[in-house]
mmCIF file of all heavy atoms, coordinates in Angstrom:
data_MODEL
# 
_entry.id   MODEL 
# 
loop_
_atom_site.group_PDB 
_atom_site.id 
_atom_site.type_symbol 
_atom_site.label_atom_id 
_atom_site.label_alt_id 
_atom_site.label_comp_id 
_atom_site.label_asym_id 
_atom_site.label_entity_id 
_atom_site.label_seq_id 
_atom_site.pdbx_PDB_ins_code 
_atom_site.Cartn_x 
_atom_site.Cartn_y 
_atom_site.Cartn_z 
_atom_site.occupancy 
_atom_site.B_iso_or_equiv 
_atom_site.pdbx_formal_charge 
_atom_site.auth_seq_id 
_atom_site.auth_comp_id 
_atom_site.auth_asym_id 
_atom_site.auth_atom_id 
_atom_site.pdbx_PDB_model_num 
ATOM 1   N N   . PRO A 1 1  ? -33.950 -26.242 -0.688 1.00 0.00 ? 1  PRO A N   1 
ATOM 2   C CA  . PRO A 1 1  ? -35.170 -25.720 -1.313 1.00 0.00 ? 1  PRO A CA  1 
ATOM 3   C C   . PRO A 1 1  ? -35.545 -24.365 -0.703 1.00 0.00 ? 1  PRO A C   1 
ATOM 4   O O   . PRO A 1 1  ? -35.433 -24.176 0.514  1.00 0.00 ? 1  PRO A O   1 
ATOM 5   C CB  . PRO A 1 1  ? -36.225 -26.782 -0.979 1.00 0.00 ? 1  PRO A CB  1 
ATOM 6   C CG  . PRO A 1 1  ? -35.451 -28.006 -0.661 1.00 0.00 ? 1  PRO A CG  1 
ATOM 7   C CD  . PRO A 1 1  ? -34.176 -27.562 -0.048 1.00 0.00 ? 1  PRO A CD  1 
ATOM 8   N N   . SER A 1 2  ? -36.008 -23.446 -1.516 1.00 0.00 ? 2  SER A N   1 
ATOM 9   C CA  . SER A 1 2  ? -36.291 -22.093 -1.035 1.00 0.00 ? 2  SER A CA  1 
ATOM 10  C C   . SER A 1 2  ? -37.492 -22.038 -0.099 1.00 0.00 ? 2  SER A C   1 
ATOM 11  O O   . SER A 1 2  ? -37.644 -21.078 0.669  1.00 0.00 ? 2  SER A O   1 
ATOM 12  C CB  . SER A 1 2  ? -36.510 -21.146 -2.221 1.00 0.00 ? 2  SER A CB  1 
ATOM 13  O OG  . SER A 1 2  ? -37.588 -21.586 -3.023 1.00 0.00 ? 2  SER A OG  1 
ATOM 14  N N   . ASN A 1 3  ? -38.364 -23.064 -0.149 1.00 0.00 ? 3  ASN A N   1 
ATOM 15  C CA  . ASN A 1 3  ? -39.529 -23.108 0.734  1.00 0.00 ? 3  ASN A CA  1 
ATOM 16  C C   . ASN A 1 3  ? -39.421 -24.200 1.793  1.00 0.00 ? 3  ASN A C   1 
ATOM 17  O O   . ASN A 1 3  ? -40.435 -24.653 2.343  1.00 0.00 ? 3  ASN A O   1 
ATOM 18  C CB  . ASN A 1 3  ? -40.805 -23.308 -0.096 1.00 0.00 ? 3  ASN A CB  1 
ATOM 19  C CG  . ASN A 1 3  ? -41.098 -22.115 -0.988 1.00 0.00 ? 3  ASN A CG  1 
ATOM 20  O OD1 . ASN A 1 3  ? -41.154 -20.987 -0.524 1.00 0.00 ? 3  ASN A OD1 1 
ATOM 21  N ND2 . ASN A 1 3  ? -41.244 -22.366 -2.277 1.00 0.00 ? 3  ASN A ND2 1 
ATOM 22  N N   . LEU A 1 4  ? -38.213 -24.597 2.112  1.00 0.00 ? 4  LEU A N   1 
ATOM 23  C CA  . LEU A 1 4  ? -37.984 -25.639 3.100  1.00 0.00 ? 4  LEU A CA  1 
ATOM 24  C C   . LEU A 1 4  ? -38.552 -25.233 4.460  1.00 0.00 ? 4  LEU A C   1 
ATOM 25  O O   . LEU A 1 4  ? -38.400 -24.095 4.894  1.00 0.00 ? 4  LEU A O   1 
ATOM 26  C CB  . LEU A 1 4  ? -36.481 -25.901 3.231  1.00 0.00 ? 4  LEU A CB  1 
ATOM 27  C CG  . LEU A 1 4  ? -36.066 -27.081 4.099  1.00 0.00 ? 4  LEU A CG  1 
ATOM 28  C CD1 . LEU A 1 4  ? -36.436 -28.391 3.419  1.00 0.00 ? 4  LEU A CD1 1 
ATOM 29  C CD2 . LEU A 1 4  ? -34.564 -27.027 4.384  1.00 0.00 ? 4  LEU A CD2 1 
ATOM 30  N N   . GLU A 1 5  ? -39.196 -26.199 5.143  1.00 0.00 ? 5  GLU A N   1 
ATOM 31  C CA  . GLU A 1 5  ? -39.798 -25.904 6.445  1.00 0.00 ? 5  GLU A CA  1 
ATOM 32  C C   . GLU A 1 5  ? -39.062 -26.562 7.611  1.00 0.00 ? 5  GLU A C   1 
ATOM 33  O O   . GLU A 1 5  ? -39.176 -26.094 8.747  1.00 0.00 ? 5  GLU A O   1 
ATOM 34  C CB  . GLU A 1 5  ? -41.263 -26.345 6.442  1.00 0.00 ? 5  GLU A CB  1 
ATOM 35  C CG  . GLU A 1 5  ? -42.127 -25.541 5.479  1.00 0.00 ? 5  GLU A CG  1 
ATOM 36  C CD  . GLU A 1 5  ? -43.588 -25.938 5.534  1.00 0.00 ? 5  GLU A CD  1 
ATOM 37  O OE1 . GLU A 1 5  ? -43.927 -26.867 6.303  1.00 0.00 ? 5  GLU A OE1 1 
ATOM 38  O OE2 . GLU A 1 5  ? -44.394 -25.333 4.800  1.00 0.00 ? 5  GLU A OE2 1 
ATOM 39  N N   . GLY A 1 6  ? -38.336 -27.646 7.356  1.00 0.00 ? 6  GLY A N   1 
ATOM 40  C CA  . GLY A 1 6  ? -37.697 -28.321 8.478  1.00 0.00 ? 6  GLY A CA  1 
ATOM 41  C C   . GLY A 1 6  ? -36.438 -29.084 8.117  1.00 0.00 ? 6  GLY A C   1 
ATOM 42  O O   . GLY A 1 6  ? -36.265 -29.538 6.976  1.00 0.00 ? 6  GLY A O   1 
ATOM 43  N N   . ILE A 1 7  ? -35.548 -29.201 9.122  1.00 0.00 ? 7  ILE A N   1 
ATOM 44  C CA  . ILE A 1 7  ? -34.350 -30.029 9.012  1.00 0.00 ? 7  ILE A CA  1 
ATOM 45  C C   . ILE A 1 7  ? -34.398 -31.000 10.183 1.00 0.00 ? 7  ILE A C   1 
ATOM 46  O O   . ILE A 1 7  ? -34.335 -30.583 11.343 1.00 0.00 ? 7  ILE A O   1 
ATOM 47  C CB  . ILE A 1 7  ? -33.062 -29.188 9.035  1.00 0.00 ? 7  ILE A CB  1 
ATOM 48  C CG1 . ILE A 1 7  ? -33.065 -28.184 7.874  1.00 0.00 ? 7  ILE A CG1 1 
ATOM 49  C CG2 . ILE A 1 7  ? -31.831 -30.090 8.947  1.00 0.00 ? 7  ILE A CG2 1 
ATOM 50  C CD1 . ILE A 1 7  ? -31.877 -27.245 7.869  1.00 0.00 ? 7  ILE A CD1 1 
ATOM 51  N N   . CYS A 1 8  ? -34.530 -32.284 9.891  1.00 0.00 ? 8  CYS A N   1 
ATOM 52  C CA  . CYS A 1 8  ? -34.790 -33.280 10.929 1.00 0.00 ? 8  CYS A CA  1 
ATOM 53  C C   . CYS A 1 8  ? -33.522 -33.737 11.649 1.00 0.00 ? 8  CYS A C   1 
ATOM 54  O O   . CYS A 1 8  ? -32.399 -33.413 11.253 1.00 0.00 ? 8  CYS A O   1 
ATOM 55  C CB  . CYS A 1 8  ? -35.514 -34.482 10.314 1.00 0.00 ? 8  CYS A CB  1 
ATOM 56  S SG  . CYS A 1 8  ? -37.139 -34.065 9.651  1.00 0.00 ? 8  CYS A SG  1 
ATOM 57  N N   . ASP A 1 9  ? -33.712 -34.498 12.681 1.00 0.00 ? 9  ASP A N   1 
ATOM 58  C CA  . ASP A 1 9  ? -32.635 -34.952 13.561 1.00 0.00 ? 9  ASP A CA  1 
ATOM 59  C C   . ASP A 1 9  ? -31.536 -35.661 12.777 1.00 0.00 ? 9  ASP A C   1 
ATOM 60  O O   . ASP A 1 9  ? -31.785 -36.593 12.029 1.00 0.00 ? 9  ASP A O   1 
ATOM 61  C CB  . ASP A 1 9  ? -33.215 -35.912 14.607 1.00 0.00 ? 9  ASP A CB  1 
ATOM 62  C CG  . ASP A 1 9  ? -32.155 -36.395 15.595 1.00 0.00 ? 9  ASP A CG  1 
ATOM 63  O OD1 . ASP A 1 9  ? -31.245 -35.612 15.894 1.00 0.00 ? 9  ASP A OD1 1 
ATOM 64  O OD2 . ASP A 1 9  ? -32.256 -37.545 16.044 1.00 0.00 ? 9  ASP A OD2 1 
ATOM 65  N N   . GLY A 1 10 ? -30.315 -35.182 12.957 1.00 0.00 ? 10 GLY A N   1 
ATOM 66  C CA  . GLY A 1 10 ? -29.155 -35.821 12.347 1.00 0.00 ? 10 GLY A CA  1 
ATOM 67  C C   . GLY A 1 10 ? -29.013 -35.630 10.855 1.00 0.00 ? 10 GLY A C   1 
ATOM 68  O O   . GLY A 1 10 ? -28.144 -36.253 10.233 1.00 0.00 ? 10 GLY A O   1 
ATOM 69  N N   . ALA A 1 11 ? -29.828 -34.779 10.258 1.00 0.00 ? 11 ALA A N   1 
ATOM 70  C CA  . ALA A 1 11 ? -29.850 -34.641 8.799  1.00 0.00 ? 11 ALA A CA  1 
ATOM 71  C C   . ALA A 1 11 ? -28.466 -34.389 8.202  1.00 0.00 ? 11 ALA A C   1 
ATOM 72  O O   . ALA A 1 11 ? -28.094 -34.977 7.181  1.00 0.00 ? 11 ALA A O   1 
ATOM 73  C CB  . ALA A 1 11 ? -30.800 -33.521 8.391  1.00 0.00 ? 11 ALA A CB  1 
ATOM 74  N N   . PHE A 1 12 ? -27.694 -33.513 8.856  1.00 0.00 ? 12 PHE A N   1 
ATOM 75  C CA  . PHE A 1 12 ? -26.345 -33.201 8.376  1.00 0.00 ? 12 PHE A CA  1 
ATOM 76  C C   . PHE A 1 12 ? -25.288 -33.506 9.445  1.00 0.00 ? 12 PHE A C   1 
ATOM 77  O O   . PHE A 1 12 ? -24.209 -32.914 9.446  1.00 0.00 ? 12 PHE A O   1 
ATOM 78  C CB  . PHE A 1 12 ? -26.252 -31.732 7.965  1.00 0.00 ? 12 PHE A CB  1 
ATOM 79  C CG  . PHE A 1 12 ? -27.104 -31.379 6.774  1.00 0.00 ? 12 PHE A CG  1 
ATOM 80  C CD1 . PHE A 1 12 ? -28.339 -30.768 6.940  1.00 0.00 ? 12 PHE A CD1 1 
ATOM 81  C CD2 . PHE A 1 12 ? -26.678 -31.658 5.491  1.00 0.00 ? 12 PHE A CD2 1 
ATOM 82  C CE1 . PHE A 1 12 ? -29.128 -30.442 5.848  1.00 0.00 ? 12 PHE A CE1 1 
ATOM 83  C CE2 . PHE A 1 12 ? -27.453 -31.343 4.391  1.00 0.00 ? 12 PHE A CE2 1 
ATOM 84  C CZ  . PHE A 1 12 ? -28.685 -30.730 4.570  1.00 0.00 ? 12 PHE A CZ  1 
ATOM 85  N N   . SER A 1 13 ? -25.572 -34.411 10.340 1.00 0.00 ? 13 SER A N   1 
ATOM 86  C CA  . SER A 1 13 ? -24.619 -34.698 11.413 1.00 0.00 ? 13 SER A CA  1 
ATOM 87  C C   . SER A 1 13 ? -23.343 -35.342 10.874 1.00 0.00 ? 13 SER A C   1 
ATOM 88  O O   . SER A 1 13 ? -23.375 -36.096 9.907  1.00 0.00 ? 13 SER A O   1 
ATOM 89  C CB  . SER A 1 13 ? -25.264 -35.601 12.473 1.00 0.00 ? 13 SER A CB  1 
ATOM 90  O OG  . SER A 1 13 ? -25.702 -36.809 11.900 1.00 0.00 ? 13 SER A OG  1 
ATOM 91  N N   . PHE A 1 14 ? -22.232 -34.998 11.487 1.00 0.00 ? 14 PHE A N   1 
ATOM 92  C CA  . PHE A 1 14 ? -20.911 -35.515 11.124 1.00 0.00 ? 14 PHE A CA  1 
ATOM 93  C C   . PHE A 1 14 ? -20.514 -35.171 9.680  1.00 0.00 ? 14 PHE A C   1 
ATOM 94  O O   . PHE A 1 14 ? -19.772 -35.924 9.044  1.00 0.00 ? 14 PHE A O   1 
ATOM 95  C CB  . PHE A 1 14 ? -20.834 -37.024 11.357 1.00 0.00 ? 14 PHE A CB  1 
ATOM 96  C CG  . PHE A 1 14 ? -21.001 -37.421 12.797 1.00 0.00 ? 14 PHE A CG  1 
ATOM 97  C CD1 . PHE A 1 14 ? -22.258 -37.739 13.294 1.00 0.00 ? 14 PHE A CD1 1 
ATOM 98  C CD2 . PHE A 1 14 ? -19.922 -37.451 13.663 1.00 0.00 ? 14 PHE A CD2 1 
ATOM 99  C CE1 . PHE A 1 14 ? -22.436 -38.096 14.631 1.00 0.00 ? 14 PHE A CE1 1 
ATOM 100 C CE2 . PHE A 1 14 ? -20.090 -37.803 15.005 1.00 0.00 ? 14 PHE A CE2 1 
ATOM 101 C CZ  . PHE A 1 14 ? -21.344 -38.117 15.486 1.00 0.00 ? 14 PHE A CZ  1 
ATOM 102 N N   . CYS A 1 15 ? -21.020 -34.037 9.197  1.00 0.00 ? 15 CYS A N   1 
ATOM 103 C CA  . CYS A 1 15 ? -20.566 -33.515 7.901  1.00 0.00 ? 15 CYS A CA  1 
ATOM 104 C C   . CYS A 1 15 ? -19.376 -32.608 8.183  1.00 0.00 ? 15 CYS A C   1 
ATOM 105 O O   . CYS A 1 15 ? -19.518 -31.386 8.347  1.00 0.00 ? 15 CYS A O   1 
ATOM 106 C CB  . CYS A 1 15 ? -21.700 -32.768 7.193  1.00 0.00 ? 15 CYS A CB  1 
ATOM 107 S SG  . CYS A 1 15 ? -23.029 -33.845 6.612  1.00 0.00 ? 15 CYS A SG  1 
ATOM 108 N N   . ASP A 1 16 ? -18.192 -33.193 8.242  1.00 0.00 ? 16 ASP A N   1 
ATOM 109 C CA  . ASP A 1 16 ? -17.001 -32.502 8.726  1.00 0.00 ? 16 ASP A CA  1 
ATOM 110 C C   . ASP A 1 16 ? -16.600 -31.290 7.901  1.00 0.00 ? 16 ASP A C   1 
ATOM 111 O O   . ASP A 1 16 ? -15.985 -30.351 8.417  1.00 0.00 ? 16 ASP A O   1 
ATOM 112 C CB  . ASP A 1 16 ? -15.812 -33.481 8.758  1.00 0.00 ? 16 ASP A CB  1 
ATOM 113 C CG  . ASP A 1 16 ? -16.027 -34.633 9.710  1.00 0.00 ? 16 ASP A CG  1 
ATOM 114 O OD1 . ASP A 1 16 ? -17.008 -34.598 10.477 1.00 0.00 ? 16 ASP A OD1 1 
ATOM 115 O OD2 . ASP A 1 16 ? -15.222 -35.584 9.688  1.00 0.00 ? 16 ASP A OD2 1 
ATOM 116 N N   . SER A 1 17 ? -16.907 -31.307 6.590  1.00 0.00 ? 17 SER A N   1 
ATOM 117 C CA  . SER A 1 17 ? -16.437 -30.248 5.697  1.00 0.00 ? 17 SER A CA  1 
ATOM 118 C C   . SER A 1 17 ? -17.448 -29.121 5.491  1.00 0.00 ? 17 SER A C   1 
ATOM 119 O O   . SER A 1 17 ? -17.138 -28.116 4.835  1.00 0.00 ? 17 SER A O   1 
ATOM 120 C CB  . SER A 1 17 ? -16.068 -30.847 4.331  1.00 0.00 ? 17 SER A CB  1 
ATOM 121 O OG  . SER A 1 17 ? -15.059 -31.815 4.460  1.00 0.00 ? 17 SER A OG  1 
ATOM 122 N N   . LEU A 1 18 ? -18.640 -29.270 6.053  1.00 0.00 ? 18 LEU A N   1 
ATOM 123 C CA  . LEU A 1 18 ? -19.690 -28.269 5.861  1.00 0.00 ? 18 LEU A CA  1 
ATOM 124 C C   . LEU A 1 18 ? -19.358 -27.014 6.667  1.00 0.00 ? 18 LEU A C   1 
ATOM 125 O O   . LEU A 1 18 ? -19.295 -27.048 7.891  1.00 0.00 ? 18 LEU A O   1 
ATOM 126 C CB  . LEU A 1 18 ? -21.032 -28.833 6.300  1.00 0.00 ? 18 LEU A CB  1 
ATOM 127 C CG  . LEU A 1 18 ? -22.284 -28.023 5.960  1.00 0.00 ? 18 LEU A CG  1 
ATOM 128 C CD1 . LEU A 1 18 ? -22.441 -27.896 4.446  1.00 0.00 ? 18 LEU A CD1 1 
ATOM 129 C CD2 . LEU A 1 18 ? -23.523 -28.671 6.564  1.00 0.00 ? 18 LEU A CD2 1 
ATOM 130 N N   . GLU A 1 19 ? -19.125 -25.900 5.959  1.00 0.00 ? 19 GLU A N   1 
ATOM 131 C CA  . GLU A 1 19 ? -18.702 -24.658 6.608  1.00 0.00 ? 19 GLU A CA  1 
ATOM 132 C C   . GLU A 1 19 ? -19.833 -23.656 6.769  1.00 0.00 ? 19 GLU A C   1 
ATOM 133 O O   . GLU A 1 19 ? -19.848 -22.884 7.729  1.00 0.00 ? 19 GLU A O   1 
ATOM 134 C CB  . GLU A 1 19 ? -17.558 -24.017 5.819  1.00 0.00 ? 19 GLU A CB  1 
ATOM 135 C CG  . GLU A 1 19 ? -16.286 -24.862 5.789  1.00 0.00 ? 19 GLU A CG  1 
ATOM 136 C CD  . GLU A 1 19 ? -15.180 -24.210 5.002  1.00 0.00 ? 19 GLU A CD  1 
ATOM 137 O OE1 . GLU A 1 19 ? -15.422 -23.128 4.424  1.00 0.00 ? 19 GLU A OE1 1 
ATOM 138 O OE2 . GLU A 1 19 ? -14.073 -24.774 4.949  1.00 0.00 ? 19 GLU A OE2 1 
ATOM 139 N N   . SER A 1 20 ? -20.751 -23.639 5.824  1.00 0.00 ? 20 SER A N   1 
ATOM 140 C CA  . SER A 1 20 ? -21.862 -22.687 5.895  1.00 0.00 ? 20 SER A CA  1 
ATOM 141 C C   . SER A 1 20 ? -23.066 -23.246 5.157  1.00 0.00 ? 20 SER A C   1 
ATOM 142 O O   . SER A 1 20 ? -22.950 -24.136 4.315  1.00 0.00 ? 20 SER A O   1 
ATOM 143 C CB  . SER A 1 20 ? -21.461 -21.337 5.289  1.00 0.00 ? 20 SER A CB  1 
ATOM 144 O OG  . SER A 1 20 ? -21.185 -21.464 3.905  1.00 0.00 ? 20 SER A OG  1 
ATOM 145 N N   . LEU A 1 21 ? -24.225 -22.702 5.499  1.00 0.00 ? 21 LEU A N   1 
ATOM 146 C CA  . LEU A 1 21 ? -25.473 -23.165 4.900  1.00 0.00 ? 21 LEU A CA  1 
ATOM 147 C C   . LEU A 1 21 ? -26.436 -21.996 4.840  1.00 0.00 ? 21 LEU A C   1 
ATOM 148 O O   . LEU A 1 21 ? -26.646 -21.301 5.838  1.00 0.00 ? 21 LEU A O   1 
ATOM 149 C CB  . LEU A 1 21 ? -26.061 -24.303 5.741  1.00 0.00 ? 21 LEU A CB  1 
ATOM 150 C CG  . LEU A 1 21 ? -27.096 -25.215 5.094  1.00 0.00 ? 21 LEU A CG  1 
ATOM 151 C CD1 . LEU A 1 21 ? -26.479 -26.002 3.933  1.00 0.00 ? 21 LEU A CD1 1 
ATOM 152 C CD2 . LEU A 1 21 ? -27.652 -26.192 6.124  1.00 0.00 ? 21 LEU A CD2 1 
ATOM 153 N N   . ASN A 1 22 ? -27.010 -21.771 3.664  1.00 0.00 ? 22 ASN A N   1 
ATOM 154 C CA  . ASN A 1 22 ? -28.003 -20.706 3.515  1.00 0.00 ? 22 ASN A CA  1 
ATOM 155 C C   . ASN A 1 22 ? -29.381 -21.252 3.872  1.00 0.00 ? 22 ASN A C   1 
ATOM 156 O O   . ASN A 1 22 ? -29.967 -22.039 3.129  1.00 0.00 ? 22 ASN A O   1 
ATOM 157 C CB  . ASN A 1 22 ? -27.999 -20.173 2.083  1.00 0.00 ? 22 ASN A CB  1 
ATOM 158 C CG  . ASN A 1 22 ? -26.744 -19.392 1.768  1.00 0.00 ? 22 ASN A CG  1 
ATOM 159 O OD1 . ASN A 1 22 ? -26.220 -18.683 2.617  1.00 0.00 ? 22 ASN A OD1 1 
ATOM 160 N ND2 . ASN A 1 22 ? -26.238 -19.531 0.550  1.00 0.00 ? 22 ASN A ND2 1 
ATOM 161 N N   . ILE A 1 23 ? -29.864 -20.837 5.032  1.00 0.00 ? 23 ILE A N   1 
ATOM 162 C CA  . ILE A 1 23 ? -31.166 -21.301 5.520  1.00 0.00 ? 23 ILE A CA  1 
ATOM 163 C C   . ILE A 1 23 ? -32.270 -20.398 4.962  1.00 0.00 ? 23 ILE A C   1 
ATOM 164 O O   . ILE A 1 23 ? -32.229 -19.182 5.145  1.00 0.00 ? 23 ILE A O   1 
ATOM 165 C CB  . ILE A 1 23 ? -31.215 -21.279 7.057  1.00 0.00 ? 23 ILE A CB  1 
ATOM 166 C CG1 . ILE A 1 23 ? -30.127 -22.181 7.648  1.00 0.00 ? 23 ILE A CG1 1 
ATOM 167 C CG2 . ILE A 1 23 ? -32.592 -21.700 7.551  1.00 0.00 ? 23 ILE A CG2 1 
ATOM 168 C CD1 . ILE A 1 23 ? -30.303 -23.638 7.362  1.00 0.00 ? 23 ILE A CD1 1 
ATOM 169 N N   . PRO A 1 24 ? -33.280 -20.965 4.292  1.00 0.00 ? 24 PRO A N   1 
ATOM 170 C CA  . PRO A 1 24 ? -34.361 -20.129 3.743  1.00 0.00 ? 24 PRO A CA  1 
ATOM 171 C C   . PRO A 1 24 ? -35.244 -19.529 4.845  1.00 0.00 ? 24 PRO A C   1 
ATOM 172 O O   . PRO A 1 24 ? -35.357 -20.078 5.937  1.00 0.00 ? 24 PRO A O   1 
ATOM 173 C CB  . PRO A 1 24 ? -35.152 -21.104 2.877  1.00 0.00 ? 24 PRO A CB  1 
ATOM 174 C CG  . PRO A 1 24 ? -34.830 -22.449 3.425  1.00 0.00 ? 24 PRO A CG  1 
ATOM 175 C CD  . PRO A 1 24 ? -33.440 -22.388 3.957  1.00 0.00 ? 24 PRO A CD  1 
ATOM 176 N N   . MET A 1 25 ? -35.863 -18.405 4.540  1.00 0.00 ? 25 MET A N   1 
ATOM 177 C CA  . MET A 1 25 ? -36.725 -17.710 5.495  1.00 0.00 ? 25 MET A CA  1 
ATOM 178 C C   . MET A 1 25 ? -37.950 -18.533 5.868  1.00 0.00 ? 25 MET A C   1 
ATOM 179 O O   . MET A 1 25 ? -38.559 -18.308 6.917  1.00 0.00 ? 25 MET A O   1 
ATOM 180 C CB  . MET A 1 25 ? -37.171 -16.366 4.901  1.00 0.00 ? 25 MET A CB  1 
ATOM 181 C CG  . MET A 1 25 ? -36.042 -15.388 4.654  1.00 0.00 ? 25 MET A CG  1 
ATOM 182 S SD  . MET A 1 25 ? -35.237 -14.857 6.182  1.00 0.00 ? 25 MET A SD  1 
ATOM 183 C CE  . MET A 1 25 ? -36.556 -13.915 6.940  1.00 0.00 ? 25 MET A CE  1 
ATOM 184 N N   . SER A 1 26 ? -38.299 -19.484 5.035  1.00 0.00 ? 26 SER A N   1 
ATOM 185 C CA  . SER A 1 26 ? -39.485 -20.311 5.283  1.00 0.00 ? 26 SER A CA  1 
ATOM 186 C C   . SER A 1 26 ? -39.281 -21.341 6.384  1.00 0.00 ? 26 SER A C   1 
ATOM 187 O O   . SER A 1 26 ? -40.254 -21.937 6.869  1.00 0.00 ? 26 SER A O   1 
ATOM 188 C CB  . SER A 1 26 ? -39.875 -21.035 3.990  1.00 0.00 ? 26 SER A CB  1 
ATOM 189 O OG  . SER A 1 26 ? -38.785 -21.842 3.533  1.00 0.00 ? 26 SER A OG  1 
ATOM 190 N N   . LEU A 1 27 ? -38.033 -21.564 6.829  1.00 0.00 ? 27 LEU A N   1 
ATOM 191 C CA  . LEU A 1 27 ? -37.737 -22.635 7.781  1.00 0.00 ? 27 LEU A CA  1 
ATOM 192 C C   . LEU A 1 27 ? -38.461 -22.425 9.107  1.00 0.00 ? 27 LEU A C   1 
ATOM 193 O O   . LEU A 1 27 ? -38.402 -21.356 9.695  1.00 0.00 ? 27 LEU A O   1 
ATOM 194 C CB  . LEU A 1 27 ? -36.227 -22.730 8.016  1.00 0.00 ? 27 LEU A CB  1 
ATOM 195 C CG  . LEU A 1 27 ? -35.763 -24.028 8.676  1.00 0.00 ? 27 LEU A CG  1 
ATOM 196 C CD1 . LEU A 1 27 ? -35.831 -25.183 7.688  1.00 0.00 ? 27 LEU A CD1 1 
ATOM 197 C CD2 . LEU A 1 27 ? -34.350 -23.882 9.218  1.00 0.00 ? 27 LEU A CD2 1 
ATOM 198 N N   . LYS A 1 28 ? -39.127 -23.480 9.594  1.00 0.00 ? 28 LYS A N   1 
ATOM 199 C CA  . LYS A 1 28 ? -39.891 -23.413 10.835 1.00 0.00 ? 28 LYS A CA  1 
ATOM 200 C C   . LYS A 1 28 ? -39.215 -24.139 11.995 1.00 0.00 ? 28 LYS A C   1 
ATOM 201 O O   . LYS A 1 28 ? -39.437 -23.794 13.148 1.00 0.00 ? 28 LYS A O   1 
ATOM 202 C CB  . LYS A 1 28 ? -41.286 -23.997 10.609 1.00 0.00 ? 28 LYS A CB  1 
ATOM 203 C CG  . LYS A 1 28 ? -42.127 -23.209 9.606  1.00 0.00 ? 28 LYS A CG  1 
ATOM 204 C CD  . LYS A 1 28 ? -43.492 -23.867 9.406  1.00 0.00 ? 28 LYS A CD  1 
ATOM 205 C CE  . LYS A 1 28 ? -44.338 -23.082 8.411  1.00 0.00 ? 28 LYS A CE  1 
ATOM 206 N NZ  . LYS A 1 28 ? -45.664 -23.724 8.178  1.00 0.00 ? 28 LYS A NZ  1 
# 
């Protein structure tokens, strides 16, 4: 989401194939 504020503990843990992620400027 373009207005995302947080990514919590383990949210994407052990995602072996994840190479990149576009983090929105709103993230706190």
